[in-house]
Amino acid sequence: NTLQKFNASSMTLVGSVGTGSSPFYVAVSSDGSYVYVVNDLDNTLQKFKSSDMTLVRSANTGSRPRSVAVSPDGSYVYVVNFSSNTLQKFNASSMTLVGSASTGARPHSIAVSPDGSYVYVVNYNSNTLQKFNASNMTLASSVGTGSNPYSVAISSDGNYVYVINTGSNTLQKFDSSTMTLVGSASTVTDPY
């Protein structure tokens, strides 16, 4: 139950701090000032200063938060909750909840588009990729994926969304605007 900071060049440990119970995922603000952690067993989101590893604020999340992402401008933090099937939007400064939406079954991973307009979620049990409008948290689009999507990422230009499926051992490439599948490849067994 710790967050550790390593020097990227020397790979030496330069800082460590306690977290909540069972930290599951970490995200860093684009300016590198803050680090956000979701804790799976105590249902919390924590914000730490990256410079000295001090806890700034905590917030309660839904049940079993699995992933966290920060908007490119650092204004908002998004969390998906595996057991309560929700996507939450927090004000990054005050850490107050400012929006929420229902997801598919067992959301597992989240990514924010480079322009901050959309939030993408993969749902492990319902085998879907969902696209939400970041401004009002409404569902813009949903598409089927392979079996048990585990992780989602967006290309740096925002044109493509990539999904790893652990159940079908595939990597899928979707057009971010149309949400159509444009490519697929086999992976090793149980890709994460």
C-alpha atoms as a PDB file:
ATOM      1  CA  ASN A   1       0.000   0.000   0.000  1.00  0.00           C
ATOM      2  CA  THR A   2       2.602   2.504  -1.164  1.00  0.00           C
ATOM      3  CA  LEU A   3       3.303   4.939  -3.970  1.00  0.00           C
ATOM      4  CA  GLN A   4       6.968   5.011  -4.936  1.00  0.00           C
ATOM      5  CA  LYS A   5       8.931   7.551  -6.977  1.00  0.00           C
ATOM      6  CA  PHE A   6      12.037   6.505  -8.926  1.00  0.00           C
ATOM      7  CA  ASN A   7      14.646   8.582 -10.719  1.00  0.00           C
ATOM      8  CA  ALA A   8      14.057   7.772 -14.389  1.00  0.00           C
ATOM      9  CA  SER A   9      17.751   7.808 -15.309  1.00  0.00           C
ATOM     10  CA  SER A  10      19.293   5.903 -12.421  1.00  0.00           C
ATOM     11  CA  MET A  11      16.176   3.919 -11.445  1.00  0.00           C
ATOM     12  CA  THR A  12      16.912   4.642  -7.787  1.00  0.00           C
ATOM     13  CA  LEU A  13      14.121   5.099  -5.291  1.00  0.00           C
ATOM     14  CA  VAL A  14      13.799   8.792  -4.369  1.00  0.00           C
ATOM     15  CA  GLY A  15      10.471   8.862  -2.539  1.00  0.00           C
ATOM     16  CA  SER A  16       7.748   6.733  -1.023  1.00  0.00           C
ATOM     17  CA  VAL A  17       4.422   7.388   0.680  1.00  0.00           C
ATOM     18  CA  GLY A  18       1.556   5.297   2.027  1.00  0.00           C
ATOM     19  CA  THR A  19      -1.670   5.003   0.040  1.00  0.00           C
ATOM     20  CA  GLY A  20      -5.099   3.614   0.703  1.00  0.00           C
ATOM     21  CA  SER A  21      -5.840  -0.097   0.660  1.00  0.00           C
ATOM     22  CA  SER A  22      -4.835  -1.993  -2.483  1.00  0.00           C
ATOM     23  CA  PRO A  23      -3.747   0.787  -4.861  1.00  0.00           C
ATOM     24  CA  PHE A  24      -4.688  -0.355  -8.353  1.00  0.00           C
ATOM     25  CA  TYR A  25      -3.722   2.347 -10.855  1.00  0.00           C
ATOM     26  CA  VAL A  26      -1.753   5.585 -11.052  1.00  0.00           C
ATOM     27  CA  ALA A  27      -1.877   8.614 -13.379  1.00  0.00           C
ATOM     28  CA  VAL A  28       0.273  11.737 -13.594  1.00  0.00           C
ATOM     29  CA  SER A  29      -0.924  15.205 -14.621  1.00  0.00           C
ATOM     30  CA  SER A  30       0.483  16.393 -17.962  1.00  0.00           C
ATOM     31  CA  ASP A  31       2.622  19.047 -16.251  1.00  0.00           C
ATOM     32  CA  GLY A  32       4.012  16.431 -13.850  1.00  0.00           C
ATOM     33  CA  SER A  33       2.906  18.304 -10.721  1.00  0.00           C
ATOM     34  CA  TYR A  34       0.442  15.777  -9.337  1.00  0.00           C
ATOM     35  CA  VAL A  35       0.064  12.006  -9.098  1.00  0.00           C
ATOM     36  CA  TYR A  36      -3.378  10.395  -8.720  1.00  0.00           C
ATOM     37  CA  VAL A  37      -3.952   6.931  -7.244  1.00  0.00           C
ATOM     38  CA  VAL A  38      -7.130   4.832  -7.036  1.00  0.00           C
ATOM     39  CA  ASN A  39      -7.380   2.352  -4.174  1.00  0.00           C
ATOM     40  CA  ASP A  40      -9.431  -0.725  -4.991  1.00  0.00           C
ATOM     41  CA  LEU A  41     -10.378  -1.932  -1.509  1.00  0.00           C
ATOM     42  CA  ASP A  42     -11.202   1.335   0.284  1.00  0.00           C
ATOM     43  CA  ASN A  43     -12.861   3.042  -2.708  1.00  0.00           C
ATOM     44  CA  THR A  44     -10.777   6.200  -2.747  1.00  0.00           C
ATOM     45  CA  LEU A  45      -9.002   8.529  -5.147  1.00  0.00           C
ATOM     46  CA  GLN A  46      -5.874  10.232  -3.785  1.00  0.00           C
ATOM     47  CA  LYS A  47      -3.952  13.260  -5.087  1.00  0.00           C
ATOM     48  CA  PHE A  48      -0.242  13.598  -4.237  1.00  0.00           C
ATOM     49  CA  LYS A  49       2.253  16.367  -5.003  1.00  0.00           C
ATOM     50  CA  SER A  50       4.926  14.778  -7.169  1.00  0.00           C
ATOM     51  CA  SER A  51       7.702  17.029  -5.837  1.00  0.00           C
ATOM     52  CA  ASP A  52       7.608  15.896  -2.209  1.00  0.00           C
ATOM     53  CA  MET A  53       5.082  13.011  -2.329  1.00  0.00           C
ATOM     54  CA  THR A  54       2.710  14.666   0.161  1.00  0.00           C
ATOM     55  CA  LEU A  55      -0.986  13.855   0.112  1.00  0.00           C
ATOM     56  CA  VAL A  56      -2.988  16.855  -1.091  1.00  0.00           C
ATOM     57  CA  ARG A  57      -6.547  15.511  -0.990  1.00  0.00           C
ATOM     58  CA  SER A  58      -8.652  12.342  -1.027  1.00  0.00           C
ATOM     59  CA  ALA A  59     -12.101  11.648  -2.400  1.00  0.00           C
ATOM     60  CA  ASN A  60     -14.528   8.756  -2.176  1.00  0.00           C
ATOM     61  CA  THR A  61     -15.209   6.852  -5.396  1.00  0.00           C
ATOM     62  CA  GLY A  62     -17.656   4.198  -6.459  1.00  0.00           C
ATOM     63  CA  SER A  63     -17.058   0.555  -5.604  1.00  0.00           C
ATOM     64  CA  ARG A  64     -13.654  -0.893  -6.583  1.00  0.00           C
ATOM     65  CA  PRO A  65     -12.034   1.858  -8.675  1.00  0.00           C
ATOM     66  CA  ARG A  66      -9.862   0.266 -11.344  1.00  0.00           C
ATOM     67  CA  SER A  67      -8.396   3.045 -13.453  1.00  0.00           C
ATOM     68  CA  VAL A  68      -7.746   6.782 -13.333  1.00  0.00           C
ATOM     69  CA  ALA A  69      -6.948   9.335 -16.060  1.00  0.00           C
ATOM     70  CA  VAL A  70      -6.291  13.076 -16.024  1.00  0.00           C
ATOM     71  CA  SER A  71      -7.585  15.532 -18.632  1.00  0.00           C
ATOM     72  CA  PRO A  72      -4.788  17.022 -20.771  1.00  0.00           C
ATOM     73  CA  ASP A  73      -5.257  20.474 -19.203  1.00  0.00           C
ATOM     74  CA  GLY A  74      -5.158  18.982 -15.688  1.00  0.00           C
ATOM     75  CA  SER A  75      -8.604  20.296 -14.734  1.00  0.00           C
ATOM     76  CA  TYR A  76     -10.414  16.976 -14.316  1.00  0.00           C
ATOM     77  CA  VAL A  77      -9.709  13.464 -13.094  1.00  0.00           C
ATOM     78  CA  TYR A  78     -11.743  10.499 -14.364  1.00  0.00           C
ATOM     79  CA  VAL A  79     -12.254   7.193 -12.542  1.00  0.00           C
ATOM     80  CA  VAL A  80     -13.981   3.944 -13.527  1.00  0.00           C
ATOM     81  CA  ASN A  81     -15.435   1.721 -10.821  1.00  0.00           C
ATOM     82  CA  PHE A  82     -15.395  -2.017 -11.496  1.00  0.00           C
ATOM     83  CA  SER A  83     -18.188  -3.113  -9.120  1.00  0.00           C
ATOM     84  CA  SER A  84     -20.550  -0.128  -9.342  1.00  0.00           C
ATOM     85  CA  ASN A  85     -20.280   0.113 -13.168  1.00  0.00           C
ATOM     86  CA  THR A  86     -19.705   3.861 -13.209  1.00  0.00           C
ATOM     87  CA  LEU A  87     -17.495   6.528 -14.740  1.00  0.00           C
ATOM     88  CA  GLN A  88     -16.852   9.497 -12.434  1.00  0.00           C
ATOM     89  CA  LYS A  89     -15.497  12.987 -13.135  1.00  0.00           C
ATOM     90  CA  PHE A  90     -13.749  14.938 -10.356  1.00  0.00           C
ATOM     91  CA  ASN A  91     -12.593  18.536 -10.248  1.00  0.00           C
ATOM     92  CA  ALA A  92      -8.814  18.098  -9.998  1.00  0.00           C
ATOM     93  CA  SER A  93      -8.310  21.084  -7.731  1.00  0.00           C
ATOM     94  CA  SER A  94     -11.046  20.513  -5.147  1.00  0.00           C
ATOM     95  CA  MET A  95     -11.354  16.752  -5.736  1.00  0.00           C
ATOM     96  CA  THR A  96     -15.143  17.106  -5.671  1.00  0.00           C
ATOM     97  CA  LEU A  97     -17.359  14.906  -7.813  1.00  0.00           C
ATOM     98  CA  VAL A  98     -18.758  16.963 -10.718  1.00  0.00           C
ATOM     99  CA  GLY A  99     -20.202  14.251 -12.971  1.00  0.00           C
ATOM    100  CA  SER A 100     -21.064  10.590 -13.247  1.00  0.00           C
ATOM    101  CA  ALA A 101     -22.322   8.129 -15.863  1.00  0.00           C
ATOM    102  CA  SER A 102     -23.291   4.479 -16.039  1.00  0.00           C
ATOM    103  CA  THR A 103     -20.948   2.199 -17.971  1.00  0.00           C
ATOM    104  CA  GLY A 104     -21.151  -1.343 -19.230  1.00  0.00           C
ATOM    105  CA  ALA A 105     -20.475  -4.306 -16.953  1.00  0.00           C
ATOM    106  CA  ARG A 106     -17.146  -4.196 -15.077  1.00  0.00           C
ATOM    107  CA  PRO A 107     -15.344  -1.143 -16.510  1.00  0.00           C
ATOM    108  CA  HIS A 108     -11.625  -1.807 -16.311  1.00  0.00           C
ATOM    109  CA  SER A 109      -9.662   0.888 -18.105  1.00  0.00           C
ATOM    110  CA  ILE A 110     -10.039   4.512 -19.157  1.00  0.00           C
ATOM    111  CA  ALA A 111      -8.346   7.002 -21.492  1.00  0.00           C
ATOM    112  CA  VAL A 112      -8.953  10.666 -22.304  1.00  0.00           C
ATOM    113  CA  SER A 113      -8.606  12.051 -25.836  1.00  0.00           C
ATOM    114  CA  PRO A 114      -5.667  14.434 -26.402  1.00  0.00           C
ATOM    115  CA  ASP A 115      -8.020  17.411 -26.772  1.00  0.00           C
ATOM    116  CA  GLY A 116      -9.935  16.445 -23.608  1.00  0.00           C
ATOM    117  CA  SER A 117     -13.274  16.169 -25.418  1.00  0.00           C
ATOM    118  CA  TYR A 118     -13.897  12.448 -24.967  1.00  0.00           C
ATOM    119  CA  VAL A 119     -13.375   9.734 -22.385  1.00  0.00           C
ATOM    120  CA  TYR A 120     -13.041   6.114 -23.535  1.00  0.00           C
ATOM    121  CA  VAL A 121     -13.908   3.153 -21.293  1.00  0.00           C
ATOM    122  CA  VAL A 122     -13.550  -0.601 -21.839  1.00  0.00           C
ATOM    123  CA  ASN A 123     -15.949  -2.919 -20.023  1.00  0.00           C
ATOM    124  CA  TYR A 124     -14.486  -6.305 -19.109  1.00  0.00           C
ATOM    125  CA  ASN A 125     -17.731  -8.306 -18.752  1.00  0.00           C
ATOM    126  CA  SER A 126     -19.898  -6.675 -21.425  1.00  0.00           C
ATOM    127  CA  ASN A 127     -17.105  -6.683 -24.060  1.00  0.00           C
ATOM    128  CA  THR A 128     -17.608  -3.063 -25.096  1.00  0.00           C
ATOM    129  CA  LEU A 129     -15.689   0.112 -25.806  1.00  0.00           C
ATOM    130  CA  GLN A 130     -17.630   3.239 -24.853  1.00  0.00           C
ATOM    131  CA  LYS A 131     -17.031   6.867 -25.840  1.00  0.00           C
ATOM    132  CA  PHE A 132     -18.356   9.559 -23.488  1.00  0.00           C
ATOM    133  CA  ASN A 133     -18.597  13.317 -23.995  1.00  0.00           C
ATOM    134  CA  ALA A 134     -16.266  14.707 -21.334  1.00  0.00           C
ATOM    135  CA  SER A 135     -18.195  17.966 -20.938  1.00  0.00           C
ATOM    136  CA  ASN A 136     -21.538  16.501 -19.866  1.00  0.00           C
ATOM    137  CA  MET A 137     -20.678  12.802 -19.316  1.00  0.00           C
ATOM    138  CA  THR A 138     -23.226  11.565 -21.865  1.00  0.00           C
ATOM    139  CA  LEU A 139     -22.625   8.428 -23.899  1.00  0.00           C
ATOM    140  CA  ALA A 140     -21.629   9.356 -27.460  1.00  0.00           C
ATOM    141  CA  SER A 141     -21.053   5.872 -28.848  1.00  0.00           C
ATOM    142  CA  SER A 142     -20.571   2.220 -27.933  1.00  0.00           C
ATOM    143  CA  VAL A 143     -19.103  -0.666 -29.908  1.00  0.00           C
ATOM    144  CA  GLY A 144     -18.387  -4.335 -29.300  1.00  0.00           C
ATOM    145  CA  THR A 145     -14.825  -5.511 -28.652  1.00  0.00           C
ATOM    146  CA  GLY A 146     -13.104  -8.851 -28.350  1.00  0.00           C
ATOM    147  CA  SER A 147     -13.550 -10.939 -25.225  1.00  0.00           C
ATOM    148  CA  ASN A 148     -12.684  -9.332 -21.862  1.00  0.00           C
ATOM    149  CA  PRO A 149     -11.221  -5.950 -22.879  1.00  0.00           C
ATOM    150  CA  TYR A 150      -8.597  -5.082 -20.264  1.00  0.00           C
ATOM    151  CA  SER A 151      -6.892  -1.898 -21.352  1.00  0.00           C
ATOM    152  CA  VAL A 152      -7.520   1.095 -23.639  1.00  0.00           C
ATOM    153  CA  ALA A 153      -5.136   3.701 -25.102  1.00  0.00           C
ATOM    154  CA  ILE A 154      -5.412   6.570 -27.595  1.00  0.00           C
ATOM    155  CA  SER A 155      -2.955   7.587 -30.299  1.00  0.00           C
ATOM    156  CA  SER A 156      -1.173  10.908 -29.709  1.00  0.00           C
ATOM    157  CA  ASP A 157      -3.088  12.531 -32.588  1.00  0.00           C
ATOM    158  CA  GLY A 158      -6.406  11.269 -31.169  1.00  0.00           C
ATOM    159  CA  ASN A 159      -7.380   9.466 -34.388  1.00  0.00           C
ATOM    160  CA  TYR A 160      -7.259   5.883 -33.096  1.00  0.00           C
ATOM    161  CA  VAL A 161      -8.263   3.971 -29.978  1.00  0.00           C
ATOM    162  CA  TYR A 162      -6.479   0.717 -29.121  1.00  0.00           C
ATOM    163  CA  VAL A 163      -7.972  -2.076 -27.015  1.00  0.00           C
ATOM    164  CA  ILE A 164      -6.297  -5.169 -25.539  1.00  0.00           C
ATOM    165  CA  ASN A 165      -8.634  -8.161 -25.023  1.00  0.00           C
ATOM    166  CA  THR A 166      -7.411 -10.779 -22.547  1.00  0.00           C
ATOM    167  CA  GLY A 167     -10.153 -13.295 -23.316  1.00  0.00           C
ATOM    168  CA  SER A 168      -9.607 -13.376 -27.076  1.00  0.00           C
ATOM    169  CA  ASN A 169      -5.860 -12.538 -27.036  1.00  0.00           C
ATOM    170  CA  THR A 170      -6.227  -9.657 -29.478  1.00  0.00           C
ATOM    171  CA  LEU A 171      -5.215  -6.041 -29.993  1.00  0.00           C
ATOM    172  CA  GLN A 172      -7.886  -3.996 -31.768  1.00  0.00           C
ATOM    173  CA  LYS A 173      -7.637  -0.600 -33.488  1.00  0.00           C
ATOM    174  CA  PHE A 174     -10.735   1.610 -33.752  1.00  0.00           C
ATOM    175  CA  ASP A 175     -11.301   4.867 -35.625  1.00  0.00           C
ATOM    176  CA  SER A 176     -11.978   7.327 -32.779  1.00  0.00           C
ATOM    177  CA  SER A 177     -14.577   9.367 -34.649  1.00  0.00           C
ATOM    178  CA  THR A 178     -16.647   6.596 -36.208  1.00  0.00           C
ATOM    179  CA  MET A 179     -15.825   3.953 -33.579  1.00  0.00           C
ATOM    180  CA  THR A 180     -15.434   1.384 -36.340  1.00  0.00           C
ATOM    181  CA  LEU A 181     -12.891  -1.406 -36.147  1.00  0.00           C
ATOM    182  CA  VAL A 182     -10.061  -0.729 -38.614  1.00  0.00           C
ATOM    183  CA  GLY A 183      -7.516  -3.327 -37.560  1.00  0.00           C
ATOM    184  CA  SER A 184      -6.877  -6.348 -35.370  1.00  0.00           C
ATOM    185  CA  ALA A 185      -3.923  -8.526 -34.444  1.00  0.00           C
ATOM    186  CA  SER A 186      -3.329 -11.619 -32.347  1.00  0.00           C
ATOM    187  CA  THR A 187      -1.282 -11.252 -29.179  1.00  0.00           C
ATOM    188  CA  VAL A 188       0.350 -13.572 -26.705  1.00  0.00           C
ATOM    189  CA  THR A 189      -1.929 -15.413 -24.280  1.00  0.00           C
ATOM    190  CA  ASP A 190      -3.591 -13.184 -21.668  1.00  0.00           C
ATOM    191  CA  PRO A 191      -2.248  -9.771 -22.755  1.00  0.00           C
ATOM    192  CA  TYR A 192      -2.456  -7.061 -20.099  1.00  0.00           C
END
